[in-house]
Every structure is written in structure tokens, then in C-alpha cells.
Amino acid sequence: MKLSINKSRSLWWILSSGFILVGLISMIISWQNPNIRAPLRPSLDFIGGTRLQFERDCTKPGNCDQPIDINVVREVAKAQGLGDSSIQIVTDRETGAENGISIRTKTLEREERTNLQNALSEKIGSFDEQKNQFDTVGPTLGRELFTSGMIALIVSFAGIVVYLNFRFQLDYAVFAIIALFHDVLITAGIFSIFGLVFGTEVDSLFIVALLTITGFSVNDTVVIYDRIRETLKLDPNRPIADIVDDAVNQTLGRSINTTLTTMLPLFAIYLFGGETLKNFALALIFGFLAGAYSSIFIASTLLTLWRERTSSSTVLPNTEVADTQ
């Protein structure tokens, strides 16, 4: 089967634009949400504060008979002066039972944490001290992590532009960067939606995931661009749309195999890697899929459109001169 990606390039651009637009709308809604105030729901890594996770002790008779009422938890938090806290019910991955709660709030002292735990125990049941978790991050460290992550992302984009401009030409580099922005925006948009719907937070590992996605995506794009460049050297008069279509089809099997083999360990990490790596693996899954798509359907078709327009603009003056002669 041979793909003619340039015949339907408007469709690929519309699909990508639609996904990006939905993500941007979600980011705006998230920014206006008083409980988030950011395009994506940030974890303690970025904003600082205290995260507490309590799990009921189900070895005690009758302690876990009733499900946890999140409204009761919110009332207790409000009575403790923590009404602005982010509260979630935690599901046990082994049993599927909802016997835990996660609370993200301002920085709490030891006494404040103890008072909150005691108040919650009275309302929803005793907690298992061995499974309780407390994490505190200062706001200064959070800002430093965010700033460092953004600088790393910008530097990686700049390095990719320099490399592609040196190896190919500037227009190749520009459209590769557009494809990378496409991948980052789609991944961020999905996590923004997840943050609104499921309360999914992004941490410092999310920045690492974005950096990994850019490397994976540009590698796929370089393979296609290399094939386009080699064909142009052999047959420079051939229509650029045909050259790009052939380049995509020649590298399609490699792209599919690379993506599928990369997905297998990522799904394993997502399913069995634990809570710490779950969102990291999920970001890579969405980002790698977006990267495979953008390399084939975005970077290549944009390069085709640009080369068609630039070639026509250089040919037209010559034809006009020929007509006058």
C-alpha cells in the first residue's frame, strides 16, 4: 500500500489544528480555574506546599465498610482552615477499593498535619500509619525546577534548529520545529484535559518527558528528510510532492516498527511501574504517537507546500520573459 500524503494534506492539518485548539481551550479553562491557576495542573514540584496521602486501615473491623465521602473530607479540611486544598480519592490498584485520600495544600507544620489527620480519622475511619505519606516542597525550589525545565526545553529546540540547518537547509529545520511544537502542544493539551477531568498533575518528570519526545520526534523527521534530500540530488526536476510521498513510503515501515516497539515498554511502565512513573509513561505514549504522526503528516507536507511555492515563484519570471520574446 502506498500513501499519497500530500493529496490529503489539508485533512492532516485540520486534524492537528483541531487537537491543538481543544488543548488550548482546556489550558485557558484550567488557567481560570481558581483551584489550578495554570495551563496544566501543577504538582508540588512546581508550586510548593504539602501533599498528604492517607489510607484507611482495613484490618480493623468495620473501618472500611463505608466508602469515603469526598464532601466530608472537604468539610474537615475547611474546618482546619484548608478550604482551598486539592482533594482526591485514591483507588487501590490491587483491590480497586477507594480507601485512600490525597490532599495537596499549603505548607503545613507537623502539628497542623497531625490535627488534620486526627480530624479526618474521626469522620472517615482510622488510617494505616505505615501507608501514610507526607511530602513538602518549598515554593523557591518549585520555581527553580520550572525555570530550569523551560530553559532545557528551549535550548533543545535551538540545538535542533542549528543541527538541522547545518545538515540540511533552514526550511527543513523550520518545519521540523513546527512539528515539535505540534507534539509538545498536543501532549500538554491532553494533560491539561486530564488535569481538569481526572485531577492529573504534572511534575518535573513531565518536563523530562517533553525533552524525550522532542528527541524521538526529530529522529523520525530526520530519517524522512534524509531520504528526501538524497532523492532531490538524484532527480532534482521531479515534482517535490512525488519525492516526499516516496520518501514517506520508503521509511513508513521503519517508523511504524520503531513506534510500536517503543510503545511496548512504555505500556509496561504505565501498568506496572507504580504511581511515580505512571504519568511519565503516559506523556511519552501520547508524545511518541504525536511525534510519529507529525513526522509523516505535518513536517513532510509543510516542506512540500513551501518548496512548491518557492519553486513556482522562481519559475514564473522566466516564463514571462520567454513569452515576451
C-alpha atoms as a PDB file:
ATOM      1  CA  MET A   1       0.000   0.000   0.000  1.00  0.00           C
ATOM      2  CA  LYS A   2       1.347   3.406  -0.997  1.00  0.00           C
ATOM      3  CA  LEU A   3       0.357   6.533   0.879  1.00  0.00           C
ATOM      4  CA  SER A   4      -0.203   9.779  -1.002  1.00  0.00           C
ATOM      5  CA  ILE A   5       0.017  12.062   1.989  1.00  0.00           C
ATOM      6  CA  ASN A   6       0.157  15.301   0.012  1.00  0.00           C
ATOM      7  CA  LYS A   7      -3.203  14.688  -1.671  1.00  0.00           C
ATOM      8  CA  SER A   8      -4.950  14.938   1.707  1.00  0.00           C
ATOM      9  CA  ARG A   9      -2.568  17.301   3.481  1.00  0.00           C
ATOM     10  CA  SER A  10      -5.352  19.752   4.290  1.00  0.00           C
ATOM     11  CA  LEU A  11      -7.078  16.962   6.220  1.00  0.00           C
ATOM     12  CA  TRP A  12      -3.926  16.243   8.284  1.00  0.00           C
ATOM     13  CA  TRP A  13      -3.537  19.939   9.101  1.00  0.00           C
ATOM     14  CA  ILE A  14      -7.203  20.266  10.102  1.00  0.00           C
ATOM     15  CA  LEU A  15      -6.973  17.224  12.396  1.00  0.00           C
ATOM     16  CA  SER A  16      -3.858  18.548  14.102  1.00  0.00           C
ATOM     17  CA  SER A  17      -5.287  22.052  14.408  1.00  0.00           C
ATOM     18  CA  GLY A  18      -8.444  20.627  15.982  1.00  0.00           C
ATOM     19  CA  PHE A  19      -6.499  18.662  18.605  1.00  0.00           C
ATOM     20  CA  ILE A  20      -4.294  21.648  19.397  1.00  0.00           C
ATOM     21  CA  LEU A  21      -7.284  24.006  19.620  1.00  0.00           C
ATOM     22  CA  VAL A  22      -9.103  21.735  22.071  1.00  0.00           C
ATOM     23  CA  GLY A  23      -5.939  21.548  24.166  1.00  0.00           C
ATOM     24  CA  LEU A  24      -5.501  25.325  24.162  1.00  0.00           C
ATOM     25  CA  ILE A  25      -9.129  25.829  25.213  1.00  0.00           C
ATOM     26  CA  SER A  26      -8.571  23.365  28.052  1.00  0.00           C
ATOM     27  CA  MET A  27      -5.457  25.289  29.117  1.00  0.00           C
ATOM     28  CA  ILE A  28      -7.410  28.556  29.204  1.00  0.00           C
ATOM     29  CA  ILE A  29     -10.168  26.959  31.283  1.00  0.00           C
ATOM     30  CA  SER A  30      -7.534  25.457  33.575  1.00  0.00           C
ATOM     31  CA  TRP A  31      -5.849  28.839  33.981  1.00  0.00           C
ATOM     32  CA  GLN A  32      -9.140  30.426  35.020  1.00  0.00           C
ATOM     33  CA  ASN A  33      -9.939  27.607  37.462  1.00  0.00           C
ATOM     34  CA  PRO A  34      -9.375  29.029  40.986  1.00  0.00           C
ATOM     35  CA  ASN A  35      -8.029  25.673  42.185  1.00  0.00           C
ATOM     36  CA  ILE A  36      -5.387  25.425  39.436  1.00  0.00           C
ATOM     37  CA  ARG A  37      -4.412  28.878  38.100  1.00  0.00           C
ATOM     38  CA  ALA A  38      -2.110  27.356  35.460  1.00  0.00           C
ATOM     39  CA  PRO A  39      -2.449  25.849  31.956  1.00  0.00           C
ATOM     40  CA  LEU A  40      -1.746  22.406  33.429  1.00  0.00           C
ATOM     41  CA  ARG A  41      -2.468  21.277  36.966  1.00  0.00           C
ATOM     42  CA  PRO A  42       0.942  21.671  38.659  1.00  0.00           C
ATOM     43  CA  SER A  43       2.246  19.293  41.282  1.00  0.00           C
ATOM     44  CA  LEU A  44       4.145  20.277  44.395  1.00  0.00           C
ATOM     45  CA  ASP A  45       7.354  20.101  42.346  1.00  0.00           C
ATOM     46  CA  PHE A  46       6.432  23.460  40.805  1.00  0.00           C
ATOM     47  CA  ILE A  47       4.243  25.378  43.258  1.00  0.00           C
ATOM     48  CA  GLY A  48       5.500  24.163  46.616  1.00  0.00           C
ATOM     49  CA  GLY A  49       3.347  23.082  49.553  1.00  0.00           C
ATOM     50  CA  THR A  50       2.450  19.868  51.328  1.00  0.00           C
ATOM     51  CA  ARG A  51       0.935  16.725  49.910  1.00  0.00           C
ATOM     52  CA  LEU A  52      -0.608  14.235  52.321  1.00  0.00           C
ATOM     53  CA  GLN A  53      -1.863  10.796  51.436  1.00  0.00           C
ATOM     54  CA  PHE A  54      -3.818   8.758  53.968  1.00  0.00           C
ATOM     55  CA  GLU A  55      -5.064   5.207  53.575  1.00  0.00           C
ATOM     56  CA  ARG A  56      -7.579   3.582  55.881  1.00  0.00           C
ATOM     57  CA  ASP A  57      -6.560   0.547  57.909  1.00  0.00           C
ATOM     58  CA  CYS A  58      -8.899  -2.161  56.623  1.00  0.00           C
ATOM     59  CA  THR A  59      -7.599  -4.742  59.108  1.00  0.00           C
ATOM     60  CA  LYS A  60      -9.775  -3.097  61.757  1.00  0.00           C
ATOM     61  CA  PRO A  61     -13.352  -4.430  61.812  1.00  0.00           C
ATOM     62  CA  GLY A  62     -15.849  -2.096  60.160  1.00  0.00           C
ATOM     63  CA  ASN A  63     -13.225   0.552  59.355  1.00  0.00           C
ATOM     64  CA  CYS A  64     -13.630   0.257  55.563  1.00  0.00           C
ATOM     65  CA  ASP A  65     -17.291  -0.747  55.334  1.00  0.00           C
ATOM     66  CA  GLN A  66     -18.440   2.646  54.035  1.00  0.00           C
ATOM     67  CA  PRO A  67     -16.907   4.444  51.023  1.00  0.00           C
ATOM     68  CA  ILE A  68     -15.093   7.702  51.658  1.00  0.00           C
ATOM     69  CA  ASP A  69     -17.318  10.723  51.082  1.00  0.00           C
ATOM     70  CA  ILE A  70     -15.182  13.422  49.486  1.00  0.00           C
ATOM     71  CA  ASN A  71     -17.597  16.102  50.677  1.00  0.00           C
ATOM     72  CA  VAL A  72     -16.937  15.057  54.270  1.00  0.00           C
ATOM     73  CA  VAL A  73     -13.202  15.339  53.626  1.00  0.00           C
ATOM     74  CA  ARG A  74     -13.678  18.833  52.186  1.00  0.00           C
ATOM     75  CA  GLU A  75     -15.709  19.888  55.226  1.00  0.00           C
ATOM     76  CA  VAL A  76     -12.976  18.671  57.566  1.00  0.00           C
ATOM     77  CA  ALA A  77     -10.303  20.463  55.547  1.00  0.00           C
ATOM     78  CA  LYS A  78     -12.351  23.650  55.551  1.00  0.00           C
ATOM     79  CA  ALA A  79     -12.778  23.440  59.332  1.00  0.00           C
ATOM     80  CA  GLN A  80      -8.973  23.195  59.596  1.00  0.00           C
ATOM     81  CA  GLY A  81      -8.564  26.361  57.507  1.00  0.00           C
ATOM     82  CA  LEU A  82      -7.607  24.411  54.379  1.00  0.00           C
ATOM     83  CA  GLY A  83     -10.661  25.071  52.237  1.00  0.00           C
ATOM     84  CA  ASP A  84      -8.567  25.797  49.112  1.00  0.00           C
ATOM     85  CA  SER A  85      -6.883  22.394  49.173  1.00  0.00           C
ATOM     86  CA  SER A  86      -6.987  19.985  46.230  1.00  0.00           C
ATOM     87  CA  ILE A  87      -8.562  16.712  47.409  1.00  0.00           C
ATOM     88  CA  GLN A  88      -8.802  13.390  45.575  1.00  0.00           C
ATOM     89  CA  ILE A  89      -9.977   9.904  46.441  1.00  0.00           C
ATOM     90  CA  VAL A  90      -7.184   7.364  45.877  1.00  0.00           C
ATOM     91  CA  THR A  91      -8.012   3.941  44.467  1.00  0.00           C
ATOM     92  CA  ASP A  92      -6.016   0.899  45.494  1.00  0.00           C
ATOM     93  CA  ARG A  93      -4.560  -0.530  42.261  1.00  0.00           C
ATOM     94  CA  GLU A  94      -4.636  -4.098  43.581  1.00  0.00           C
ATOM     95  CA  THR A  95      -8.125  -4.250  45.075  1.00  0.00           C
ATOM     96  CA  GLY A  96      -9.815  -1.365  43.285  1.00  0.00           C
ATOM     97  CA  ALA A  97     -11.179  -0.116  46.624  1.00  0.00           C
ATOM     98  CA  GLU A  98     -11.331   3.623  47.303  1.00  0.00           C
ATOM     99  CA  ASN A  99      -9.830   3.653  50.781  1.00  0.00           C
ATOM    100  CA  GLY A 100      -7.322   6.464  50.440  1.00  0.00           C
ATOM    101  CA  ILE A 101      -7.334  10.237  50.113  1.00  0.00           C
ATOM    102  CA  SER A 102      -4.742  12.617  48.679  1.00  0.00           C
ATOM    103  CA  ILE A 103      -4.650  16.235  49.828  1.00  0.00           C
ATOM    104  CA  ARG A 104      -2.498  18.932  48.256  1.00  0.00           C
ATOM    105  CA  THR A 105      -2.425  22.121  50.261  1.00  0.00           C
ATOM    106  CA  LYS A 106      -0.260  24.930  51.563  1.00  0.00           C
ATOM    107  CA  THR A 107       2.862  24.141  53.555  1.00  0.00           C
ATOM    108  CA  LEU A 108       1.830  22.586  56.873  1.00  0.00           C
ATOM    109  CA  GLU A 109       3.764  22.254  60.087  1.00  0.00           C
ATOM    110  CA  ARG A 110       3.928  18.953  61.945  1.00  0.00           C
ATOM    111  CA  GLU A 111       1.202  19.962  64.403  1.00  0.00           C
ATOM    112  CA  GLU A 112      -1.116  21.056  61.598  1.00  0.00           C
ATOM    113  CA  ARG A 113      -0.664  17.751  59.804  1.00  0.00           C
ATOM    114  CA  THR A 114      -1.419  15.856  62.989  1.00  0.00           C
ATOM    115  CA  ASN A 115      -4.565  17.881  63.679  1.00  0.00           C
ATOM    116  CA  LEU A 116      -5.812  17.287  60.139  1.00  0.00           C
ATOM    117  CA  GLN A 117      -5.129  13.555  60.338  1.00  0.00           C
ATOM    118  CA  ASN A 118      -6.929  13.234  63.674  1.00  0.00           C
ATOM    119  CA  ALA A 119      -9.937  15.194  62.428  1.00  0.00           C
ATOM    120  CA  LEU A 120     -10.192  13.017  59.317  1.00  0.00           C
ATOM    121  CA  SER A 121      -9.849   9.820  61.350  1.00  0.00           C
ATOM    122  CA  GLU A 122     -12.864  10.770  63.427  1.00  0.00           C
ATOM    123  CA  LYS A 123     -15.009  11.235  60.313  1.00  0.00           C
ATOM    124  CA  ILE A 124     -13.945   8.535  57.854  1.00  0.00           C
ATOM    125  CA  GLY A 125     -12.033   5.918  59.897  1.00  0.00           C
ATOM    126  CA  SER A 126      -8.578   5.129  61.250  1.00  0.00           C
ATOM    127  CA  PHE A 127      -5.564   5.303  58.958  1.00  0.00           C
ATOM    128  CA  ASP A 128      -2.731   2.846  58.467  1.00  0.00           C
ATOM    129  CA  GLU A 129       0.348   4.667  59.756  1.00  0.00           C
ATOM    130  CA  GLN A 130       2.634   2.502  57.606  1.00  0.00           C
ATOM    131  CA  LYS A 131       0.976   3.709  54.391  1.00  0.00           C
ATOM    132  CA  ASN A 132       0.584   7.409  55.188  1.00  0.00           C
ATOM    133  CA  GLN A 133       2.765   9.698  53.085  1.00  0.00           C
ATOM    134  CA  PHE A 134       3.836  13.316  53.581  1.00  0.00           C
ATOM    135  CA  ASP A 135       5.780  15.431  51.071  1.00  0.00           C
ATOM    136  CA  THR A 136       6.746  19.092  51.393  1.00  0.00           C
ATOM    137  CA  VAL A 137       8.379  21.251  48.712  1.00  0.00           C
ATOM    138  CA  GLY A 138       9.321  24.906  49.118  1.00  0.00           C
ATOM    139  CA  PRO A 139       8.000  27.436  46.548  1.00  0.00           C
ATOM    140  CA  THR A 140      11.528  28.617  45.692  1.00  0.00           C
ATOM    141  CA  LEU A 141      12.619  25.125  44.688  1.00  0.00           C
ATOM    142  CA  GLY A 142       9.426  24.732  42.682  1.00  0.00           C
ATOM    143  CA  ARG A 143      10.116  27.891  40.679  1.00  0.00           C
ATOM    144  CA  GLU A 144      13.695  26.821  40.081  1.00  0.00           C
ATOM    145  CA  LEU A 145      12.574  23.423  38.771  1.00  0.00           C
ATOM    146  CA  PHE A 146      10.068  25.027  36.403  1.00  0.00           C
ATOM    147  CA  THR A 147      12.576  27.608  35.144  1.00  0.00           C
ATOM    148  CA  SER A 148      15.289  25.001  34.627  1.00  0.00           C
ATOM    149  CA  GLY A 149      12.867  22.766  32.759  1.00  0.00           C
ATOM    150  CA  MET A 150      11.754  25.535  30.417  1.00  0.00           C
ATOM    151  CA  ILE A 151      15.348  26.581  29.724  1.00  0.00           C
ATOM    152  CA  ALA A 152      16.255  22.987  28.929  1.00  0.00           C
ATOM    153  CA  LEU A 153      13.325  22.729  26.504  1.00  0.00           C
ATOM    154  CA  ILE A 154      14.224  25.996  24.743  1.00  0.00           C
ATOM    155  CA  VAL A 155      17.897  25.045  24.478  1.00  0.00           C
ATOM    156  CA  SER A 156      16.961  21.669  22.984  1.00  0.00           C
ATOM    157  CA  PHE A 157      14.780  23.374  20.357  1.00  0.00           C
ATOM    158  CA  ALA A 158      17.597  25.802  19.489  1.00  0.00           C
ATOM    159  CA  GLY A 159      20.093  22.956  19.220  1.00  0.00           C
ATOM    160  CA  ILE A 160      17.777  21.053  16.885  1.00  0.00           C
ATOM    161  CA  VAL A 161      17.407  24.128  14.637  1.00  0.00           C
ATOM    162  CA  VAL A 162      21.189  24.558  14.421  1.00  0.00           C
ATOM    163  CA  TYR A 163      21.752  20.864  13.713  1.00  0.00           C
ATOM    164  CA  LEU A 164      19.083  20.589  11.004  1.00  0.00           C
ATOM    165  CA  ASN A 165      20.163  23.854   9.396  1.00  0.00           C
ATOM    166  CA  PHE A 166      23.739  22.552   9.258  1.00  0.00           C
ATOM    167  CA  ARG A 167      22.830  19.088   7.990  1.00  0.00           C
ATOM    168  CA  PHE A 168      20.004  20.081   5.633  1.00  0.00           C
ATOM    169  CA  GLN A 169      18.686  23.607   4.993  1.00  0.00           C
ATOM    170  CA  LEU A 170      16.883  26.254   7.011  1.00  0.00           C
ATOM    171  CA  ASP A 171      13.422  25.379   5.693  1.00  0.00           C
ATOM    172  CA  TYR A 172      13.889  21.758   6.793  1.00  0.00           C
ATOM    173  CA  ALA A 173      14.766  22.999  10.294  1.00  0.00           C
ATOM    174  CA  VAL A 174      11.801  25.380  10.495  1.00  0.00           C
ATOM    175  CA  PHE A 175       9.215  22.726   9.630  1.00  0.00           C
ATOM    176  CA  ALA A 176      10.834  20.196  11.940  1.00  0.00           C
ATOM    177  CA  ILE A 177      10.486  22.699  14.808  1.00  0.00           C
ATOM    178  CA  ILE A 178       6.843  23.318  13.864  1.00  0.00           C
ATOM    179  CA  ALA A 179       6.298  19.556  14.084  1.00  0.00           C
ATOM    180  CA  LEU A 180       7.978  19.512  17.513  1.00  0.00           C
ATOM    181  CA  PHE A 181       5.734  22.319  18.753  1.00  0.00           C
ATOM    182  CA  HIS A 182       2.822  20.259  17.443  1.00  0.00           C
ATOM    183  CA  ASP A 183       3.917  17.270  19.540  1.00  0.00           C
ATOM    184  CA  VAL A 184       4.504  19.322  22.694  1.00  0.00           C
ATOM    185  CA  LEU A 185       1.184  21.183  22.378  1.00  0.00           C
ATOM    186  CA  ILE A 186      -0.814  18.000  21.828  1.00  0.00           C
ATOM    187  CA  THR A 187       0.825  16.264  24.802  1.00  0.00           C
ATOM    188  CA  ALA A 188       0.361  19.315  27.016  1.00  0.00           C
ATOM    189  CA  GLY A 189      -3.238  19.726  25.838  1.00  0.00           C
ATOM    190  CA  ILE A 190      -4.089  16.128  26.701  1.00  0.00           C
ATOM    191  CA  PHE A 191      -2.625  16.534  30.184  1.00  0.00           C
ATOM    192  CA  SER A 192      -4.487  19.814  30.619  1.00  0.00           C
ATOM    193  CA  ILE A 193      -7.748  17.969  29.874  1.00  0.00           C
ATOM    194  CA  PHE A 194      -6.751  15.166  32.234  1.00  0.00           C
ATOM    195  CA  GLY A 195      -5.975  17.767  34.899  1.00  0.00           C
ATOM    196  CA  LEU A 196      -9.484  19.212  34.634  1.00  0.00           C
ATOM    197  CA  VAL A 197     -11.322  15.882  34.384  1.00  0.00           C
ATOM    198  CA  PHE A 198      -9.220  13.477  36.461  1.00  0.00           C
ATOM    199  CA  GLY A 199      -7.085  15.823  38.561  1.00  0.00           C
ATOM    200  CA  THR A 200      -3.868  14.639  36.861  1.00  0.00           C
ATOM    201  CA  GLU A 201      -0.871  16.710  37.906  1.00  0.00           C
ATOM    202  CA  VAL A 202       2.358  17.411  36.013  1.00  0.00           C
ATOM    203  CA  ASP A 203       5.678  17.283  37.828  1.00  0.00           C
ATOM    204  CA  SER A 204       9.354  17.624  36.931  1.00  0.00           C
ATOM    205  CA  LEU A 205       9.218  14.270  35.125  1.00  0.00           C
ATOM    206  CA  PHE A 206       6.739  15.813  32.688  1.00  0.00           C
ATOM    207  CA  ILE A 207       9.471  18.211  31.514  1.00  0.00           C
ATOM    208  CA  VAL A 208      11.788  15.222  31.093  1.00  0.00           C
ATOM    209  CA  ALA A 209       9.066  13.525  29.041  1.00  0.00           C
ATOM    210  CA  LEU A 210       8.747  16.566  26.740  1.00  0.00           C
ATOM    211  CA  LEU A 211      12.509  16.597  26.170  1.00  0.00           C
ATOM    212  CA  THR A 212      12.419  12.878  25.349  1.00  0.00           C
ATOM    213  CA  ILE A 213       9.503  13.409  22.959  1.00  0.00           C
ATOM    214  CA  THR A 214      11.397  16.088  21.019  1.00  0.00           C
ATOM    215  CA  GLY A 215      14.373  13.754  20.584  1.00  0.00           C
ATOM    216  CA  PHE A 216      12.200  10.869  19.392  1.00  0.00           C
ATOM    217  CA  SER A 217      10.169  13.025  17.020  1.00  0.00           C
ATOM    218  CA  VAL A 218      13.094  14.820  15.393  1.00  0.00           C
ATOM    219  CA  ASN A 219      14.854  11.495  14.840  1.00  0.00           C
ATOM    220  CA  ASP A 220      11.885  10.236  12.810  1.00  0.00           C
ATOM    221  CA  THR A 221      11.737  13.519  10.891  1.00  0.00           C
ATOM    222  CA  VAL A 222      15.464  13.419  10.084  1.00  0.00           C
ATOM    223  CA  VAL A 223      15.118   9.948   8.545  1.00  0.00           C
ATOM    224  CA  ILE A 224      12.382  11.181   6.179  1.00  0.00           C
ATOM    225  CA  TYR A 225      14.246  14.411   5.387  1.00  0.00           C
ATOM    226  CA  ASP A 226      17.420  12.470   4.602  1.00  0.00           C
ATOM    227  CA  ARG A 227      15.551  10.349   2.081  1.00  0.00           C
ATOM    228  CA  ILE A 228      14.004  13.484   0.504  1.00  0.00           C
ATOM    229  CA  ARG A 229      17.405  15.132   0.194  1.00  0.00           C
ATOM    230  CA  GLU A 230      19.010  12.086  -1.433  1.00  0.00           C
ATOM    231  CA  THR A 231      16.184  11.789  -3.979  1.00  0.00           C
ATOM    232  CA  LEU A 232      16.404  15.509  -4.799  1.00  0.00           C
ATOM    233  CA  LYS A 233      20.100  15.082  -5.606  1.00  0.00           C
ATOM    234  CA  LEU A 234      19.387  12.226  -7.999  1.00  0.00           C
ATOM    235  CA  ASP A 235      16.318  13.765  -9.674  1.00  0.00           C
ATOM    236  CA  PRO A 236      16.025  17.499  -8.959  1.00  0.00           C
ATOM    237  CA  ASN A 237      13.386  18.075 -11.669  1.00  0.00           C
ATOM    238  CA  ARG A 238      10.911  15.592 -10.246  1.00  0.00           C
ATOM    239  CA  PRO A 239       7.814  17.106  -8.528  1.00  0.00           C
ATOM    240  CA  ILE A 240       8.527  17.627  -4.823  1.00  0.00           C
ATOM    241  CA  ALA A 241       5.158  16.108  -3.834  1.00  0.00           C
ATOM    242  CA  ASP A 242       6.109  12.807  -5.505  1.00  0.00           C
ATOM    243  CA  ILE A 243       9.536  12.845  -3.860  1.00  0.00           C
ATOM    244  CA  VAL A 244       8.083  13.421  -0.399  1.00  0.00           C
ATOM    245  CA  ASP A 245       5.419  10.746  -0.872  1.00  0.00           C
ATOM    246  CA  ASP A 246       8.074   8.235  -1.915  1.00  0.00           C
ATOM    247  CA  ALA A 247      10.329   9.199   0.996  1.00  0.00           C
ATOM    248  CA  VAL A 248       7.481   8.699   3.471  1.00  0.00           C
ATOM    249  CA  ASN A 249       6.540   5.331   1.980  1.00  0.00           C
ATOM    250  CA  GLN A 250      10.152   4.130   1.971  1.00  0.00           C
ATOM    251  CA  THR A 251      10.543   4.955   5.673  1.00  0.00           C
ATOM    252  CA  LEU A 252       6.993   4.104   6.775  1.00  0.00           C
ATOM    253  CA  GLY A 253       7.798   0.558   7.857  1.00  0.00           C
ATOM    254  CA  ARG A 254      10.694   1.769   9.966  1.00  0.00           C
ATOM    255  CA  SER A 255       8.544   4.467  11.599  1.00  0.00           C
ATOM    256  CA  ILE A 256       5.749   2.023  12.458  1.00  0.00           C
ATOM    257  CA  ASN A 257       8.120  -0.620  13.826  1.00  0.00           C
ATOM    258  CA  THR A 258      10.074   1.900  15.885  1.00  0.00           C
ATOM    259  CA  THR A 259       6.906   3.379  17.377  1.00  0.00           C
ATOM    260  CA  LEU A 260       5.342   0.007  18.185  1.00  0.00           C
ATOM    261  CA  THR A 261       8.452  -1.410  19.814  1.00  0.00           C
ATOM    262  CA  THR A 262       8.793   1.771  21.870  1.00  0.00           C
ATOM    263  CA  MET A 263       5.164   1.583  22.979  1.00  0.00           C
ATOM    264  CA  LEU A 264       5.540  -1.903  24.481  1.00  0.00           C
ATOM    265  CA  PRO A 265       7.880  -0.966  27.362  1.00  0.00           C
ATOM    266  CA  LEU A 266       6.001   2.287  27.914  1.00  0.00           C
ATOM    267  CA  PHE A 267       2.714   0.437  28.386  1.00  0.00           C
ATOM    268  CA  ALA A 268       4.505  -1.939  30.755  1.00  0.00           C
ATOM    269  CA  ILE A 269       5.822   1.013  32.774  1.00  0.00           C
ATOM    270  CA  TYR A 270       2.372   2.600  32.814  1.00  0.00           C
ATOM    271  CA  LEU A 271       0.656  -0.569  34.010  1.00  0.00           C
ATOM    272  CA  PHE A 272       3.271  -1.927  36.416  1.00  0.00           C
ATOM    273  CA  GLY A 273       5.746   0.875  37.099  1.00  0.00           C
ATOM    274  CA  GLY A 274       3.982   2.443  40.061  1.00  0.00           C
ATOM    275  CA  GLU A 275       2.401   5.860  40.634  1.00  0.00           C
ATOM    276  CA  THR A 276       5.669   7.800  40.324  1.00  0.00           C
ATOM    277  CA  LEU A 277       6.280   6.744  36.708  1.00  0.00           C
ATOM    278  CA  LYS A 278       2.669   6.378  35.587  1.00  0.00           C
ATOM    279  CA  ASN A 279       2.147   9.916  34.257  1.00  0.00           C
ATOM    280  CA  PHE A 280       5.686   9.991  32.851  1.00  0.00           C
ATOM    281  CA  ALA A 281       4.985   6.899  30.765  1.00  0.00           C
ATOM    282  CA  LEU A 282       1.578   8.248  29.728  1.00  0.00           C
ATOM    283  CA  ALA A 283       3.130  11.511  28.497  1.00  0.00           C
ATOM    284  CA  LEU A 284       5.673   9.560  26.457  1.00  0.00           C
ATOM    285  CA  ILE A 285       2.957   7.373  24.933  1.00  0.00           C
ATOM    286  CA  PHE A 286       0.933  10.358  23.716  1.00  0.00           C
ATOM    287  CA  GLY A 287       4.042  12.296  22.707  1.00  0.00           C
ATOM    288  CA  PHE A 288       5.608   9.463  20.713  1.00  0.00           C
ATOM    289  CA  LEU A 289       2.350   8.830  18.862  1.00  0.00           C
ATOM    290  CA  ALA A 290       2.052  12.543  18.099  1.00  0.00           C
ATOM    291  CA  GLY A 291       5.705  12.575  17.009  1.00  0.00           C
ATOM    292  CA  ALA A 292       5.272   9.675  14.602  1.00  0.00           C
ATOM    293  CA  TYR A 293       2.191  11.393  13.164  1.00  0.00           C
ATOM    294  CA  SER A 294       3.808  14.834  12.816  1.00  0.00           C
ATOM    295  CA  SER A 295       6.953  13.489  11.150  1.00  0.00           C
ATOM    296  CA  ILE A 296       4.891  11.846   8.424  1.00  0.00           C
ATOM    297  CA  PHE A 297       1.890  14.111   8.014  1.00  0.00           C
ATOM    298  CA  ILE A 298       2.994  17.559   9.217  1.00  0.00           C
ATOM    299  CA  ALA A 299       6.719  18.187   8.724  1.00  0.00           C
ATOM    300  CA  SER A 300       6.781  16.474   5.312  1.00  0.00           C
ATOM    301  CA  THR A 301       3.651  18.083   3.886  1.00  0.00           C
ATOM    302  CA  LEU A 302       4.634  21.566   5.092  1.00  0.00           C
ATOM    303  CA  LEU A 303       8.006  21.177   3.390  1.00  0.00           C
ATOM    304  CA  THR A 304       6.211  20.131   0.198  1.00  0.00           C
ATOM    305  CA  LEU A 305       3.946  23.180   0.242  1.00  0.00           C
ATOM    306  CA  TRP A 306       6.868  25.522   0.858  1.00  0.00           C
ATOM    307  CA  ARG A 307       9.025  24.038  -1.906  1.00  0.00           C
ATOM    308  CA  GLU A 308       6.113  24.136  -4.366  1.00  0.00           C
ATOM    309  CA  ARG A 309       5.515  27.818  -3.686  1.00  0.00           C
ATOM    310  CA  THR A 310       9.163  28.825  -3.754  1.00  0.00           C
ATOM    311  CA  SER A 311       9.800  26.899  -6.975  1.00  0.00           C
ATOM    312  CA  SER A 312       6.763  28.460  -8.668  1.00  0.00           C
ATOM    313  CA  SER A 313       7.836  31.949  -7.628  1.00  0.00           C
ATOM    314  CA  THR A 314      11.256  31.418  -9.210  1.00  0.00           C
ATOM    315  CA  VAL A 315       9.893  29.879 -12.421  1.00  0.00           C
ATOM    316  CA  LEU A 316       7.175  32.441 -13.165  1.00  0.00           C
ATOM    317  CA  PRO A 317       9.506  35.378 -14.007  1.00  0.00           C
ATOM    318  CA  ASN A 318      11.415  33.203 -16.513  1.00  0.00           C
ATOM    319  CA  THR A 319       8.230  32.102 -18.272  1.00  0.00           C
ATOM    320  CA  GLU A 320       7.106  35.714 -18.558  1.00  0.00           C
ATOM    321  CA  VAL A 321      10.398  36.664 -20.189  1.00  0.00           C
ATOM    322  CA  ALA A 322      10.039  33.779 -22.624  1.00  0.00           C
ATOM    323  CA  ASP A 323       6.536  34.920 -23.599  1.00  0.00           C
ATOM    324  CA  THR A 324       7.687  38.461 -24.354  1.00  0.00           C
ATOM    325  CA  GLN A 325      10.456  37.152 -26.556  1.00  0.00           C
END
